Amino acid sequence: MIRFENSLEHDCNNVTCQLLNPSLERLLDYEDLNKRVAKAEEIFFDDFKHISQNKSFPLGLFGWTSAHHVFQLLNIGFIRELVKEIKDMNPEIILEVGAGEGLLGKQLSKELGKDIILTDDHSWWEKEYIKIDNKDVIRMDYKNAIEVYNPDLIIASWIPYKRWWTKEFRKCDSVRGYILIGEGPGGCTGSDMDWKTSWIRHDLDNVEKYAICRTDHGFNGTGFSKIRHTNVSLFERP
């Protein structure tokens, strides 16, 4: 990842980054990562003076994910359980759309022992003044990617809010299923129309129990708490 010249600099000299940055470098165990997130949130909510400090300081989990452009915090349990679901489908061609920097697809491919085609049109990242420096991520929008690669399985993590991508997933004859990762029905990912379909929906609870996204922790009005927002669902052609 490369920042454009007019992007805001971020200072990682703080406790939140020290706790969470290792998750960007390697897959951590779920319990370890969860403890790190909980500690970062507790520190933040116990000390509101951070709000008035330098704006580059990550404000708890959500602030850290914003500064580092992270939506889903990957970990060993999450990847392994998701790979089990993919193996059960036994797809020949797997396509990830909106792959961003390719972190999810890279880890899934490694665990799966099979290549995953990674694509992203870079539009969201360029709005954030970020250039993706990963040659494994093909610059291509999701519609063209589906048409070019004719996948059996599509993976989409955190589709941009109010964008109805799944309509195109279902139109492609080769697609037997697709996996959505995000906030689920009524959340700030994708479209409400994603959930109104005759395709068979499976909520992957075994994957979700290891999920940590940017809005999965927070303050409930009286103190720190864990708030589950992540939804992981598999849709199969009827």
Protein backbone atom coordinates (compact mmCIF):
# COMPACT_ATOMS: atom_id res chain seq x y z
CA MET A 1 0.00 0.00 0.00
CA ILE A 2 1.34 3.44 -0.99
CA ARG A 3 -0.06 6.79 0.11
CA PHE A 4 -0.44 9.57 -2.43
CA GLU A 5 1.38 12.82 -1.67
CA ASN A 6 -1.77 14.66 -0.53
CA SER A 7 -2.94 11.92 1.85
CA LEU A 8 -2.97 12.40 5.62
CA GLU A 9 -0.04 10.94 7.50
CA HIS A 10 -0.77 8.55 10.34
CA ASP A 11 1.43 8.28 13.43
CA CYS A 12 1.59 4.72 14.82
CA ASN A 13 3.44 5.77 17.96
CA ASN A 14 0.54 4.88 20.27
CA VAL A 15 -0.75 1.95 22.30
CA THR A 16 -3.62 1.10 19.93
CA CYS A 17 -1.30 0.59 16.97
CA GLN A 18 1.18 -1.33 19.10
CA LEU A 19 -1.60 -3.71 20.08
CA LEU A 20 -3.29 -4.14 16.70
CA ASN A 21 -0.65 -3.59 14.00
CA PRO A 22 0.73 -7.14 14.41
CA SER A 23 -2.58 -8.40 12.97
CA LEU A 24 -1.65 -6.68 9.68
CA GLU A 25 1.67 -8.52 9.51
CA ARG A 26 0.56 -12.07 10.34
CA LEU A 27 -2.50 -14.10 11.31
CA LEU A 28 -2.99 -14.08 15.06
CA ASP A 29 -4.94 -16.58 17.11
CA TYR A 30 -8.53 -15.41 17.62
CA GLU A 31 -8.28 -15.25 21.41
CA ASP A 32 -5.05 -13.25 21.21
CA LEU A 33 -6.52 -10.80 18.71
CA ASN A 34 -9.74 -10.45 20.68
CA LYS A 35 -7.80 -9.62 23.83
CA ARG A 36 -5.77 -7.02 21.95
CA VAL A 37 -8.93 -5.38 20.59
CA ALA A 38 -10.61 -5.44 24.01
CA LYS A 39 -7.56 -3.83 25.61
CA ALA A 40 -7.41 -1.11 22.95
CA GLU A 41 -11.11 -0.33 23.43
CA GLU A 42 -10.89 -0.28 27.21
CA ILE A 43 -7.95 2.13 27.10
CA PHE A 44 -9.84 4.42 24.75
CA PHE A 45 -13.13 4.45 26.60
CA ASP A 46 -11.39 4.91 29.94
CA ASP A 47 -9.52 7.95 28.69
CA PHE A 48 -11.64 10.32 26.58
CA LYS A 49 -8.87 12.91 26.60
CA HIS A 50 -7.51 11.14 23.51
CA ILE A 51 -10.35 12.69 21.53
CA SER A 52 -8.83 16.16 21.86
CA GLN A 53 -5.33 15.01 21.02
CA ASN A 54 -3.67 14.79 17.61
CA LYS A 55 -6.26 13.73 15.01
CA SER A 56 -3.92 11.05 13.72
CA PHE A 57 -4.38 9.13 16.99
CA PRO A 58 -6.60 6.07 16.36
CA LEU A 59 -9.77 6.43 18.42
CA GLY A 60 -10.27 2.89 19.63
CA LEU A 61 -10.91 0.03 17.22
CA PHE A 62 -12.97 2.03 14.72
CA GLY A 63 -10.39 4.80 14.59
CA TRP A 64 -7.57 2.30 14.10
CA THR A 65 -9.41 0.53 11.27
CA SER A 66 -10.10 3.88 9.62
CA ALA A 67 -6.46 4.91 9.83
CA HIS A 68 -5.26 1.59 8.43
CA HIS A 69 -8.16 1.02 6.02
CA VAL A 70 -9.21 -2.25 7.63
CA PHE A 71 -12.77 -3.56 7.66
CA GLN A 72 -12.37 -7.15 8.83
CA LEU A 73 -9.65 -8.23 11.26
CA LEU A 74 -8.43 -11.59 10.02
CA ASN A 75 -7.30 -14.34 12.35
CA ILE A 76 -6.45 -18.03 12.26
CA GLY A 77 -9.87 -19.32 13.33
CA PHE A 78 -11.76 -17.14 10.88
CA ILE A 79 -9.65 -18.20 7.90
CA ARG A 80 -9.66 -21.90 8.75
CA GLU A 81 -13.42 -22.09 9.22
CA LEU A 82 -14.09 -20.14 6.05
CA VAL A 83 -11.77 -22.45 4.11
CA LYS A 84 -13.77 -25.46 5.37
CA GLU A 85 -16.91 -23.95 3.83
CA ILE A 86 -15.12 -23.28 0.55
CA LYS A 87 -13.75 -26.83 0.40
CA ASP A 88 -17.26 -28.23 0.90
CA MET A 89 -18.32 -26.41 -2.27
CA ASN A 90 -15.28 -27.68 -4.19
CA PRO A 91 -15.22 -24.75 -6.65
CA GLU A 92 -12.92 -24.81 -9.64
CA ILE A 93 -12.64 -21.04 -10.12
CA ILE A 94 -12.80 -18.71 -7.10
CA LEU A 95 -13.06 -14.96 -7.63
CA GLU A 96 -12.78 -12.27 -4.97
CA VAL A 97 -14.30 -8.94 -5.98
CA GLY A 98 -13.56 -5.71 -4.14
CA ALA A 99 -10.45 -7.42 -2.80
CA GLY A 100 -8.69 -4.20 -1.77
CA GLU A 101 -5.11 -5.02 -0.85
CA GLY A 102 -5.83 -8.74 -1.21
CA LEU A 103 -5.27 -9.67 2.45
CA LEU A 104 -8.33 -11.95 2.73
CA GLY A 105 -7.81 -13.74 -0.58
CA LYS A 106 -4.12 -14.21 0.09
CA GLN A 107 -4.73 -15.93 3.44
CA LEU A 108 -7.60 -18.04 2.08
CA SER A 109 -5.51 -19.13 -0.90
CA LYS A 110 -2.62 -20.12 1.35
CA GLU A 111 -4.82 -22.20 3.66
CA LEU A 112 -6.82 -23.64 0.77
CA GLY A 113 -3.79 -24.53 -1.33
CA LYS A 114 -5.52 -23.11 -4.37
CA ASP A 115 -5.26 -19.83 -6.29
CA ILE A 116 -7.98 -17.24 -5.80
CA ILE A 117 -8.38 -14.53 -8.44
CA LEU A 118 -8.18 -11.15 -6.67
CA THR A 119 -9.80 -8.10 -8.29
CA ASP A 120 -10.56 -4.52 -7.31
CA ASP A 121 -11.27 -1.40 -9.37
CA HIS A 122 -9.31 0.77 -6.84
CA SER A 123 -12.06 3.42 -6.85
CA TRP A 124 -12.66 3.45 -3.08
CA TRP A 125 -8.95 3.43 -2.33
CA GLU A 126 -8.22 6.33 -4.64
CA LYS A 127 -10.90 8.39 -2.89
CA GLU A 128 -8.92 7.73 0.29
CA TYR A 129 -5.70 8.78 -1.50
CA ILE A 130 -4.31 5.25 -1.31
CA LYS A 131 -2.62 3.36 -4.13
CA ILE A 132 -2.75 -0.42 -3.92
CA ASP A 133 0.78 -1.78 -4.35
CA ASN A 134 -0.04 -5.45 -4.79
CA LYS A 135 0.51 -6.89 -8.25
CA ASP A 136 -1.58 -9.94 -7.31
CA VAL A 137 -4.71 -7.75 -7.22
CA ILE A 138 -5.98 -7.26 -10.77
CA ARG A 139 -7.42 -3.80 -11.43
CA MET A 140 -10.90 -4.64 -12.68
CA ASP A 141 -14.44 -3.80 -11.58
CA TYR A 142 -16.66 -6.60 -10.34
CA LYS A 143 -18.88 -6.77 -13.44
CA ASN A 144 -15.96 -7.20 -15.81
CA ALA A 145 -14.26 -9.64 -13.47
CA ILE A 146 -17.32 -11.91 -13.43
CA GLU A 147 -17.62 -11.76 -17.21
CA VAL A 148 -13.94 -12.47 -17.80
CA TYR A 149 -13.38 -15.26 -15.27
CA ASN A 150 -16.78 -17.04 -15.10
CA PRO A 151 -16.24 -18.17 -11.49
CA ASP A 152 -17.93 -21.01 -9.63
CA LEU A 153 -17.66 -19.11 -6.35
CA ILE A 154 -17.49 -15.38 -5.64
CA ILE A 155 -16.22 -13.92 -2.37
CA ALA A 156 -17.16 -10.35 -1.48
CA SER A 157 -16.04 -8.78 1.79
CA TRP A 158 -17.52 -5.43 2.77
CA ILE A 159 -19.24 -4.44 -0.46
CA PRO A 160 -19.56 -0.63 -0.56
CA TYR A 161 -22.69 0.64 1.17
CA LYS A 162 -25.84 0.80 -0.96
CA ARG A 163 -24.20 -0.98 -3.91
CA TRP A 164 -26.17 -3.96 -5.24
CA TRP A 165 -23.41 -6.17 -6.58
CA THR A 166 -25.11 -9.51 -5.93
CA LYS A 167 -27.57 -8.88 -8.75
CA GLU A 168 -24.68 -9.42 -11.16
CA PHE A 169 -23.43 -12.44 -9.21
CA ARG A 170 -26.77 -14.19 -9.76
CA LYS A 171 -26.91 -13.36 -13.46
CA CYS A 172 -23.73 -15.30 -14.24
CA ASP A 173 -24.56 -18.88 -15.24
CA SER A 174 -21.25 -20.27 -14.00
CA VAL A 175 -21.75 -19.02 -10.42
CA ARG A 176 -22.90 -21.78 -8.07
CA GLY A 177 -22.56 -19.70 -4.95
CA TYR A 178 -21.18 -16.56 -3.32
CA ILE A 179 -20.01 -15.62 0.15
CA LEU A 180 -20.81 -12.24 1.67
CA ILE A 181 -18.84 -10.82 4.60
CA GLY A 182 -19.98 -7.58 6.20
CA GLU A 183 -22.55 -6.15 8.57
CA GLY A 184 -25.45 -8.20 7.21
CA PRO A 185 -29.09 -7.18 6.66
CA GLY A 186 -29.70 -3.53 7.58
CA GLY A 187 -25.97 -2.89 8.02
CA CYS A 188 -23.61 -0.54 6.26
CA THR A 189 -22.42 -2.99 3.60
CA GLY A 190 -23.97 -3.66 0.23
CA SER A 191 -27.68 -3.31 -0.43
CA ASP A 192 -30.78 -4.52 1.37
CA MET A 193 -31.59 -6.25 -1.94
CA ASP A 194 -28.68 -8.63 -1.31
CA TRP A 195 -30.91 -10.49 1.13
CA LYS A 196 -34.06 -10.59 -1.01
CA THR A 197 -33.39 -13.59 -3.21
CA SER A 198 -34.54 -17.10 -4.00
CA TRP A 199 -30.96 -18.33 -3.65
CA ILE A 200 -30.45 -20.60 -0.64
CA ARG A 201 -28.85 -18.70 2.24
CA HIS A 202 -26.63 -20.33 4.85
CA ASP A 203 -25.49 -18.19 7.79
CA LEU A 204 -22.00 -19.46 8.60
CA ASP A 205 -22.10 -19.34 12.40
CA ASN A 206 -18.93 -21.41 12.63
CA VAL A 207 -17.08 -18.63 10.78
CA GLU A 208 -18.87 -15.73 12.47
CA LYS A 209 -17.81 -16.85 15.94
CA TYR A 210 -14.24 -15.96 14.96
CA ALA A 211 -15.16 -12.71 13.23
CA ILE A 212 -14.01 -9.28 14.38
CA CYS A 213 -14.90 -6.28 12.23
CA ARG A 214 -14.41 -2.57 12.70
CA THR A 215 -17.77 -2.20 14.51
CA ASP A 216 -17.74 -5.35 16.63
CA HIS A 217 -16.64 -3.58 19.81
CA GLY A 218 -17.76 -0.37 21.44
CA PHE A 219 -19.32 1.53 24.29
CA ASN A 220 -22.87 0.56 25.30
CA GLY A 221 -23.61 3.72 27.31
CA THR A 222 -22.36 2.43 30.64
CA GLY A 223 -19.09 0.75 29.74
CA PHE A 224 -17.07 -1.25 27.25
CA SER A 225 -18.76 -4.23 25.62
CA LYS A 226 -18.43 -6.53 22.63
CA ILE A 227 -21.06 -5.87 19.98
CA ARG A 228 -21.47 -8.42 17.20
CA HIS A 229 -22.09 -6.91 13.77
CA THR A 230 -20.20 -9.24 11.44
CA ASN A 231 -22.33 -11.45 9.22
CA VAL A 232 -20.90 -14.21 7.04
CA SER A 233 -23.36 -15.88 4.68
CA LEU A 234 -23.11 -18.35 1.82
CA PHE A 235 -25.71 -18.14 -0.95
CA GLU A 236 -26.14 -21.16 -3.23
CA ARG A 237 -28.01 -21.37 -6.50
CA PRO A 238 -31.37 -23.13 -5.95
